[in-house]
């Protein structure tokens, strides 16, 4: 009997856009937030409903977006899947 047959498999579906936005907003609660709705929408779209990508994208924007805050342009955060 193969090992895979002895394992419990969990199939997860990607989050819907509205749930992705809720997750991002929940992670911003209690923090000084300069990240606007357009940036959160972009992160939600780029993550394709994968919670780990959502959180990584949000924290990347917080970490790297601070230096560009107020410069008048919207910086893109590229999300890459870990291999």
PDB file of N, CA and C in Angstrom:
ATOM      1  N   UNK A   1       0.856  -1.178   0.000  1.00  0.00           N
ATOM      2  CA  UNK A   1       0.000   0.000   0.000  1.00  0.00           C
ATOM      3  C   UNK A   1       0.902   1.242   0.000  1.00  0.00           C
ATOM      4  N   UNK A   2       0.719   2.138  -0.972  1.00  0.00           N
ATOM      5  CA  UNK A   2       1.544   3.352  -1.036  1.00  0.00           C
ATOM      6  C   UNK A   2       1.301   4.262   0.173  1.00  0.00           C
ATOM      7  N   UNK A   3       2.303   5.035   0.501  1.00  0.00           N
ATOM      8  CA  UNK A   3       2.227   5.953   1.634  1.00  0.00           C
ATOM      9  C   UNK A   3       1.082   6.947   1.472  1.00  0.00           C
ATOM     10  N   UNK A   4       0.855   7.422   0.273  1.00  0.00           N
ATOM     11  CA  UNK A   4      -0.198   8.406   0.017  1.00  0.00           C
ATOM     12  C   UNK A   4      -1.576   7.860   0.407  1.00  0.00           C
ATOM     13  N   UNK A   5      -1.785   6.568   0.254  1.00  0.00           N
ATOM     14  CA  UNK A   5      -3.068   5.965   0.621  1.00  0.00           C
ATOM     15  C   UNK A   5      -3.276   5.943   2.133  1.00  0.00           C
ATOM     16  N   UNK A   6      -2.216   6.024   2.897  1.00  0.00           N
ATOM     17  CA  UNK A   6      -2.322   6.004   4.358  1.00  0.00           C
ATOM     18  C   UNK A   6      -2.411   7.396   4.972  1.00  0.00           C
ATOM     19  N   UNK A   7      -2.331   8.413   4.149  1.00  0.00           N
ATOM     20  CA  UNK A   7      -2.351   9.791   4.641  1.00  0.00           C
ATOM     21  C   UNK A   7      -3.737  10.398   4.491  1.00  0.00           C
ATOM     22  N   UNK A   8      -4.047  11.290   5.406  1.00  0.00           N
ATOM     23  CA  UNK A   8      -5.293  12.045   5.337  1.00  0.00           C
ATOM     24  C   UNK A   8      -5.057  13.234   4.424  1.00  0.00           C
ATOM     25  N   UNK A   9      -5.874  13.376   3.403  1.00  0.00           N
ATOM     26  CA  UNK A   9      -5.697  14.453   2.445  1.00  0.00           C
ATOM     27  C   UNK A   9      -6.742  15.536   2.678  1.00  0.00           C
ATOM     28  N   UNK A  10      -6.292  16.779   2.681  1.00  0.00           N
ATOM     29  CA  UNK A  10      -7.184  17.918   2.833  1.00  0.00           C
ATOM     30  C   UNK A  10      -7.076  18.758   1.571  1.00  0.00           C
ATOM     31  N   UNK A  11      -8.189  18.984   0.925  1.00  0.00           N
ATOM     32  CA  UNK A  11      -8.224  19.796  -0.284  1.00  0.00           C
ATOM     33  C   UNK A  11      -8.778  21.164   0.102  1.00  0.00           C
ATOM     34  N   UNK A  12      -7.992  22.184  -0.104  1.00  0.00           N
ATOM     35  CA  UNK A  12      -8.393  23.539   0.249  1.00  0.00           C
ATOM     36  C   UNK A  12      -8.704  24.337  -0.996  1.00  0.00           C
ATOM     37  N   UNK A  13      -9.743  25.124  -0.926  1.00  0.00           N
ATOM     38  CA  UNK A  13     -10.130  26.008  -2.022  1.00  0.00           C
ATOM     39  C   UNK A  13      -9.547  27.397  -1.762  1.00  0.00           C
ATOM     40  N   UNK A  14      -9.196  28.140  -2.796  1.00  0.00           N
ATOM     41  CA  UNK A  14      -8.734  29.511  -2.599  1.00  0.00           C
ATOM     42  C   UNK A  14      -9.849  30.368  -1.998  1.00  0.00           C
ATOM     43  N   UNK A  15      -9.463  31.388  -1.253  1.00  0.00           N
ATOM     44  CA  UNK A  15     -10.432  32.318  -0.679  1.00  0.00           C
ATOM     45  C   UNK A  15     -11.072  33.153  -1.777  1.00  0.00           C
ATOM     46  N   UNK A  16     -12.307  33.543  -1.555  1.00  0.00           N
ATOM     47  CA  UNK A  16     -12.952  34.483  -2.461  1.00  0.00           C
ATOM     48  C   UNK A  16     -12.361  35.867  -2.201  1.00  0.00           C
ATOM     49  N   UNK A  17     -12.550  36.770  -3.148  1.00  0.00           N
ATOM     50  CA  UNK A  17     -11.972  38.109  -3.048  1.00  0.00           C
ATOM     51  C   UNK A  17     -12.410  38.817  -1.767  1.00  0.00           C
ATOM     52  N   UNK A  18     -13.704  38.763  -1.439  1.00  0.00           N
ATOM     53  CA  UNK A  18     -14.203  39.453  -0.246  1.00  0.00           C
ATOM     54  C   UNK A  18     -13.577  38.882   1.031  1.00  0.00           C
ATOM     55  N   UNK A  19     -13.362  37.563   1.066  1.00  0.00           N
ATOM     56  CA  UNK A  19     -12.731  36.948   2.229  1.00  0.00           C
ATOM     57  C   UNK A  19     -11.241  37.303   2.299  1.00  0.00           C
ATOM     58  N   UNK A  20     -10.616  37.446   1.141  1.00  0.00           N
ATOM     59  CA  UNK A  20      -9.212  37.883   1.097  1.00  0.00           C
ATOM     60  C   UNK A  20      -9.081  39.289   1.680  1.00  0.00           C
ATOM     61  N   UNK A  21     -10.006  40.169   1.303  1.00  0.00           N
ATOM     62  CA  UNK A  21      -9.984  41.544   1.819  1.00  0.00           C
ATOM     63  C   UNK A  21     -10.211  41.564   3.330  1.00  0.00           C
ATOM     64  N   UNK A  22     -11.114  40.729   3.814  1.00  0.00           N
ATOM     65  CA  UNK A  22     -11.367  40.652   5.265  1.00  0.00           C
ATOM     66  C   UNK A  22     -10.112  40.198   6.010  1.00  0.00           C
ATOM     67  N   UNK A  23      -9.425  39.209   5.447  1.00  0.00           N
ATOM     68  CA  UNK A  23      -8.207  38.713   6.082  1.00  0.00           C
ATOM     69  C   UNK A  23      -7.134  39.803   6.135  1.00  0.00           C
ATOM     70  N   UNK A  24      -6.972  40.547   5.055  1.00  0.00           N
ATOM     71  CA  UNK A  24      -6.002  41.642   5.032  1.00  0.00           C
ATOM     72  C   UNK A  24      -6.363  42.710   6.061  1.00  0.00           C
ATOM     73  N   UNK A  25      -7.628  43.094   6.105  1.00  0.00           N
ATOM     74  CA  UNK A  25      -8.061  44.133   7.041  1.00  0.00           C
ATOM     75  C   UNK A  25      -7.921  43.670   8.485  1.00  0.00           C
ATOM     76  N   UNK A  26      -8.199  42.387   8.744  1.00  0.00           N
ATOM     77  CA  UNK A  26      -8.049  41.859  10.105  1.00  0.00           C
ATOM     78  C   UNK A  26      -6.581  41.906  10.544  1.00  0.00           C
ATOM     79  N   UNK A  27      -5.663  41.653   9.620  1.00  0.00           N
ATOM     80  CA  UNK A  27      -4.244  41.694   9.952  1.00  0.00           C
ATOM     81  C   UNK A  27      -3.725  43.115  10.130  1.00  0.00           C
ATOM     82  N   UNK A  28      -4.466  44.097   9.664  1.00  0.00           N
ATOM     83  CA  UNK A  28      -4.066  45.490   9.841  1.00  0.00           C
ATOM     84  C   UNK A  28      -4.641  46.109  11.112  1.00  0.00           C
ATOM     85  N   UNK A  29      -5.575  45.434  11.760  1.00  0.00           N
ATOM     86  CA  UNK A  29      -6.185  45.977  12.975  1.00  0.00           C
ATOM     87  C   UNK A  29      -5.126  46.166  14.052  1.00  0.00           C
ATOM     88  N   UNK A  30      -5.170  47.333  14.691  1.00  0.00           N
ATOM     89  CA  UNK A  30      -4.237  47.620  15.773  1.00  0.00           C
ATOM     90  C   UNK A  30      -2.866  48.083  15.307  1.00  0.00           C
ATOM     91  N   UNK A  31      -2.671  48.211  14.018  1.00  0.00           N
ATOM     92  CA  UNK A  31      -1.393  48.682  13.480  1.00  0.00           C
ATOM     93  C   UNK A  31      -1.585  50.070  12.898  1.00  0.00           C
ATOM     94  N   UNK A  32      -0.528  50.852  12.934  1.00  0.00           N
ATOM     95  CA  UNK A  32      -0.561  52.122  12.217  1.00  0.00           C
ATOM     96  C   UNK A  32      -0.582  51.774  10.739  1.00  0.00           C
ATOM     97  N   UNK A  33      -1.625  52.180  10.048  1.00  0.00           N
ATOM     98  CA  UNK A  33      -1.832  51.716   8.678  1.00  0.00           C
ATOM     99  C   UNK A  33      -1.799  52.857   7.687  1.00  0.00           C
ATOM    100  N   UNK A  34      -0.871  52.792   6.766  1.00  0.00           N
ATOM    101  CA  UNK A  34      -0.812  53.746   5.659  1.00  0.00           C
ATOM    102  C   UNK A  34      -1.167  53.061   4.347  1.00  0.00           C
ATOM    103  N   UNK A  35      -1.509  51.782   4.412  1.00  0.00           N
ATOM    104  CA  UNK A  35      -1.831  51.014   3.220  1.00  0.00           C
ATOM    105  C   UNK A  35      -3.289  51.254   2.867  1.00  0.00           C
ATOM    106  N   UNK A  36      -3.531  51.829   1.703  1.00  0.00           N
ATOM    107  CA  UNK A  36      -4.881  52.176   1.284  1.00  0.00           C
ATOM    108  C   UNK A  36      -5.614  51.037   0.602  1.00  0.00           C
ATOM    109  N   UNK A  37      -6.925  51.225   0.407  1.00  0.00           N
ATOM    110  CA  UNK A  37      -7.744  50.190  -0.240  1.00  0.00           C
ATOM    111  C   UNK A  37      -7.239  49.757  -1.622  1.00  0.00           C
ATOM    112  N   UNK A  38      -6.732  50.659  -2.479  1.00  0.00           N
ATOM    113  CA  UNK A  38      -6.245  50.175  -3.786  1.00  0.00           C
ATOM    114  C   UNK A  38      -5.082  49.187  -3.647  1.00  0.00           C
ATOM    115  N   UNK A  39      -4.215  49.420  -2.674  1.00  0.00           N
ATOM    116  CA  UNK A  39      -3.078  48.520  -2.465  1.00  0.00           C
ATOM    117  C   UNK A  39      -3.574  47.175  -1.946  1.00  0.00           C
ATOM    118  N   UNK A  40      -4.532  47.206  -1.020  1.00  0.00           N
ATOM    119  CA  UNK A  40      -5.082  45.957  -0.486  1.00  0.00           C
ATOM    120  C   UNK A  40      -5.786  45.163  -1.584  1.00  0.00           C
ATOM    121  N   UNK A  41      -6.508  45.844  -2.468  1.00  0.00           N
ATOM    122  CA  UNK A  41      -7.177  45.166  -3.579  1.00  0.00           C
ATOM    123  C   UNK A  41      -6.171  44.514  -4.507  1.00  0.00           C
ATOM    124  N   UNK A  42      -5.069  45.217  -4.763  1.00  0.00           N
ATOM    125  CA  UNK A  42      -4.027  44.654  -5.644  1.00  0.00           C
ATOM    126  C   UNK A  42      -3.404  43.410  -5.014  1.00  0.00           C
ATOM    127  N   UNK A  43      -3.122  43.477  -3.711  1.00  0.00           N
ATOM    128  CA  UNK A  43      -2.551  42.321  -3.013  1.00  0.00           C
ATOM    129  C   UNK A  43      -3.530  41.146  -3.068  1.00  0.00           C
ATOM    130  N   UNK A  44      -4.817  41.427  -2.838  1.00  0.00           N
ATOM    131  CA  UNK A  44      -5.834  40.371  -2.870  1.00  0.00           C
ATOM    132  C   UNK A  44      -5.921  39.730  -4.255  1.00  0.00           C
ATOM    133  N   UNK A  45      -5.843  40.530  -5.303  1.00  0.00           N
ATOM    134  CA  UNK A  45      -5.894  39.991  -6.665  1.00  0.00           C
ATOM    135  C   UNK A  45      -4.651  39.176  -6.998  1.00  0.00           C
ATOM    136  N   UNK A  46      -3.493  39.677  -6.620  1.00  0.00           N
ATOM    137  CA  UNK A  46      -2.240  38.985  -6.941  1.00  0.00           C
ATOM    138  C   UNK A  46      -2.089  37.670  -6.188  1.00  0.00           C
ATOM    139  N   UNK A  47      -2.680  37.577  -5.011  1.00  0.00           N
ATOM    140  CA  UNK A  47      -2.511  36.375  -4.194  1.00  0.00           C
ATOM    141  C   UNK A  47      -3.349  35.200  -4.687  1.00  0.00           C
ATOM    142  N   UNK A  48      -4.343  35.487  -5.523  1.00  0.00           N
ATOM    143  CA  UNK A  48      -5.221  34.453  -6.094  1.00  0.00           C
ATOM    144  C   UNK A  48      -5.905  33.613  -5.008  1.00  0.00           C
ATOM    145  N   UNK A  49      -6.214  34.248  -3.870  1.00  0.00           N
ATOM    146  CA  UNK A  49      -6.963  33.577  -2.808  1.00  0.00           C
ATOM    147  C   UNK A  49      -6.142  32.682  -1.904  1.00  0.00           C
ATOM    148  N   UNK A  50      -4.832  32.743  -1.999  1.00  0.00           N
ATOM    149  CA  UNK A  50      -3.970  31.905  -1.157  1.00  0.00           C
ATOM    150  C   UNK A  50      -3.582  32.721   0.083  1.00  0.00           C
ATOM    151  N   UNK A  51      -4.068  32.307   1.269  1.00  0.00           N
ATOM    152  CA  UNK A  51      -3.843  33.107   2.477  1.00  0.00           C
ATOM    153  C   UNK A  51      -2.376  33.432   2.764  1.00  0.00           C
ATOM    154  N   UNK A  52      -1.488  32.497   2.548  1.00  0.00           N
ATOM    155  CA  UNK A  52      -0.066  32.752   2.824  1.00  0.00           C
ATOM    156  C   UNK A  52       0.469  33.870   1.932  1.00  0.00           C
ATOM    157  N   UNK A  53       0.070  33.871   0.659  1.00  0.00           N
ATOM    158  CA  UNK A  53       0.493  34.937  -0.247  1.00  0.00           C
ATOM    159  C   UNK A  53      -0.116  36.275   0.157  1.00  0.00           C
ATOM    160  N   UNK A  54      -1.345  36.239   0.657  1.00  0.00           N
ATOM    161  CA  UNK A  54      -1.989  37.468   1.133  1.00  0.00           C
ATOM    162  C   UNK A  54      -1.175  38.113   2.241  1.00  0.00           C
ATOM    163  N   UNK A  55      -0.844  37.317   3.244  1.00  0.00           N
ATOM    164  CA  UNK A  55      -0.123  37.843   4.408  1.00  0.00           C
ATOM    165  C   UNK A  55       1.285  38.273   4.017  1.00  0.00           C
ATOM    166  N   UNK A  56       1.978  37.468   3.210  1.00  0.00           N
ATOM    167  CA  UNK A  56       3.320  37.846   2.769  1.00  0.00           C
ATOM    168  C   UNK A  56       3.291  39.134   1.953  1.00  0.00           C
ATOM    169  N   UNK A  57       2.299  39.265   1.075  1.00  0.00           N
ATOM    170  CA  UNK A  57       2.169  40.478   0.276  1.00  0.00           C
ATOM    171  C   UNK A  57       1.880  41.693   1.134  1.00  0.00           C
ATOM    172  N   UNK A  58       1.031  41.525   2.138  1.00  0.00           N
ATOM    173  CA  UNK A  58       0.699  42.627   3.040  1.00  0.00           C
ATOM    174  C   UNK A  58       1.929  43.077   3.820  1.00  0.00           C
ATOM    175  N   UNK A  59       2.655  42.127   4.394  1.00  0.00           N
ATOM    176  CA  UNK A  59       3.829  42.502   5.181  1.00  0.00           C
ATOM    177  C   UNK A  59       4.947  43.053   4.303  1.00  0.00           C
ATOM    178  N   UNK A  60       5.043  42.580   3.062  1.00  0.00           N
ATOM    179  CA  UNK A  60       6.025  43.151   2.134  1.00  0.00           C
ATOM    180  C   UNK A  60       5.663  44.593   1.823  1.00  0.00           C
ATOM    181  N   UNK A  61       4.386  44.861   1.618  1.00  0.00           N
ATOM    182  CA  UNK A  61       3.941  46.226   1.346  1.00  0.00           C
ATOM    183  C   UNK A  61       4.189  47.130   2.545  1.00  0.00           C
ATOM    184  N   UNK A  62       3.935  46.614   3.735  1.00  0.00           N
ATOM    185  CA  UNK A  62       4.180  47.403   4.942  1.00  0.00           C
ATOM    186  C   UNK A  62       5.667  47.695   5.081  1.00  0.00           C
ATOM    187  N   UNK A  63       6.498  46.670   4.885  1.00  0.00           N
ATOM    188  CA  UNK A  63       7.940  46.829   5.071  1.00  0.00           C
ATOM    189  C   UNK A  63       8.574  47.702   3.996  1.00  0.00           C
ATOM    190  N   UNK A  64       8.228  47.454   2.737  1.00  0.00           N
ATOM    191  CA  UNK A  64       8.901  48.151   1.649  1.00  0.00           C
ATOM    192  C   UNK A  64       8.136  49.361   1.156  1.00  0.00           C
ATOM    193  N   UNK A  65       6.841  49.425   1.454  1.00  0.00           N
ATOM    194  CA  UNK A  65       6.029  50.547   1.015  1.00  0.00           C
ATOM    195  C   UNK A  65       6.217  51.786   1.866  1.00  0.00           C
ATOM    196  N   UNK A  66       6.731  51.628   3.081  1.00  0.00           N
ATOM    197  CA  UNK A  66       6.915  52.754   3.995  1.00  0.00           C
ATOM    198  C   UNK A  66       7.832  53.814   3.395  1.00  0.00           C
ATOM    199  N   UNK A  67       8.888  53.392   2.728  1.00  0.00           N
ATOM    200  CA  UNK A  67       9.857  54.352   2.180  1.00  0.00           C
ATOM    201  C   UNK A  67       9.262  55.182   1.054  1.00  0.00           C
ATOM    202  N   UNK A  68       8.238  54.625   0.366  1.00  0.00           N
ATOM    203  CA  UNK A  68       7.627  55.339  -0.749  1.00  0.00           C
ATOM    204  C   UNK A  68       6.345  56.050  -0.354  1.00  0.00           C
ATOM    205  N   UNK A  69       5.970  55.978   0.909  1.00  0.00           N
ATOM    206  CA  UNK A  69       4.704  56.576   1.338  1.00  0.00           C
ATOM    207  C   UNK A  69       4.732  58.075   1.074  1.00  0.00           C
ATOM    208  N   UNK A  70       3.693  58.548   0.425  1.00  0.00           N
ATOM    209  CA  UNK A  70       3.589  59.968   0.142  1.00  0.00           C
ATOM    210  C   UNK A  70       4.282  60.391  -1.143  1.00  0.00           C
ATOM    211  N   UNK A  71       4.879  59.468  -1.859  1.00  0.00           N
ATOM    212  CA  UNK A  71       5.583  59.848  -3.080  1.00  0.00           C
ATOM    213  C   UNK A  71       4.638  59.989  -4.270  1.00  0.00           C
ATOM    214  N   UNK A  72       3.361  59.610  -4.074  1.00  0.00           N
ATOM    215  CA  UNK A  72       2.380  59.818  -5.124  1.00  0.00           C
ATOM    216  C   UNK A  72       2.276  58.706  -6.140  1.00  0.00           C
ATOM    217  N   UNK A  73       3.028  57.628  -5.981  1.00  0.00           N
ATOM    218  CA  UNK A  73       2.870  56.522  -6.915  1.00  0.00           C
ATOM    219  C   UNK A  73       2.611  55.235  -6.150  1.00  0.00           C
ATOM    220  N   UNK A  74       1.978  54.325  -6.838  1.00  0.00           N
ATOM    221  CA  UNK A  74       1.562  53.061  -6.245  1.00  0.00           C
ATOM    222  C   UNK A  74       2.595  51.994  -6.589  1.00  0.00           C
ATOM    223  N   UNK A  75       3.351  51.546  -5.604  1.00  0.00           N
ATOM    224  CA  UNK A  75       4.408  50.577  -5.831  1.00  0.00           C
ATOM    225  C   UNK A  75       3.830  49.165  -5.916  1.00  0.00           C
ATOM    226  N   UNK A  76       4.288  48.381  -6.850  1.00  0.00           N
ATOM    227  CA  UNK A  76       3.792  47.031  -7.031  1.00  0.00           C
ATOM    228  C   UNK A  76       4.637  46.063  -6.210  1.00  0.00           C
ATOM    229  N   UNK A  77       3.962  45.151  -5.534  1.00  0.00           N
ATOM    230  CA  UNK A  77       4.643  44.096  -4.788  1.00  0.00           C
ATOM    231  C   UNK A  77       4.449  42.811  -5.577  1.00  0.00           C
ATOM    232  N   UNK A  78       5.529  42.191  -5.998  1.00  0.00           N
ATOM    233  CA  UNK A  78       5.438  40.932  -6.730  1.00  0.00           C
ATOM    234  C   UNK A  78       5.398  39.774  -5.748  1.00  0.00           C
ATOM    235  N   UNK A  79       4.422  38.914  -5.918  1.00  0.00           N
ATOM    236  CA  UNK A  79       4.273  37.747  -5.066  1.00  0.00           C
ATOM    237  C   UNK A  79       4.709  36.527  -5.847  1.00  0.00           C
ATOM    238  N   UNK A  80       5.569  35.734  -5.259  1.00  0.00           N
ATOM    239  CA  UNK A  80       6.042  34.528  -5.910  1.00  0.00           C
ATOM    240  C   UNK A  80       5.751  33.335  -4.994  1.00  0.00           C
ATOM    241  N   UNK A  81       5.361  32.244  -5.600  1.00  0.00           N
ATOM    242  CA  UNK A  81       5.110  31.023  -4.838  1.00  0.00           C
ATOM    243  C   UNK A  81       6.439  30.400  -4.450  1.00  0.00           C
ATOM    244  N   UNK A  82       6.512  29.910  -3.224  1.00  0.00           N
ATOM    245  CA  UNK A  82       7.718  29.199  -2.785  1.00  0.00           C
ATOM    246  C   UNK A  82       7.770  27.851  -3.483  1.00  0.00           C
ATOM    247  N   UNK A  83       8.966  27.500  -3.933  1.00  0.00           N
ATOM    248  CA  UNK A  83       9.112  26.205  -4.638  1.00  0.00           C
ATOM    249  C   UNK A  83       9.807  25.217  -3.765  1.00  0.00           C
TER     250      UNK A  83
END
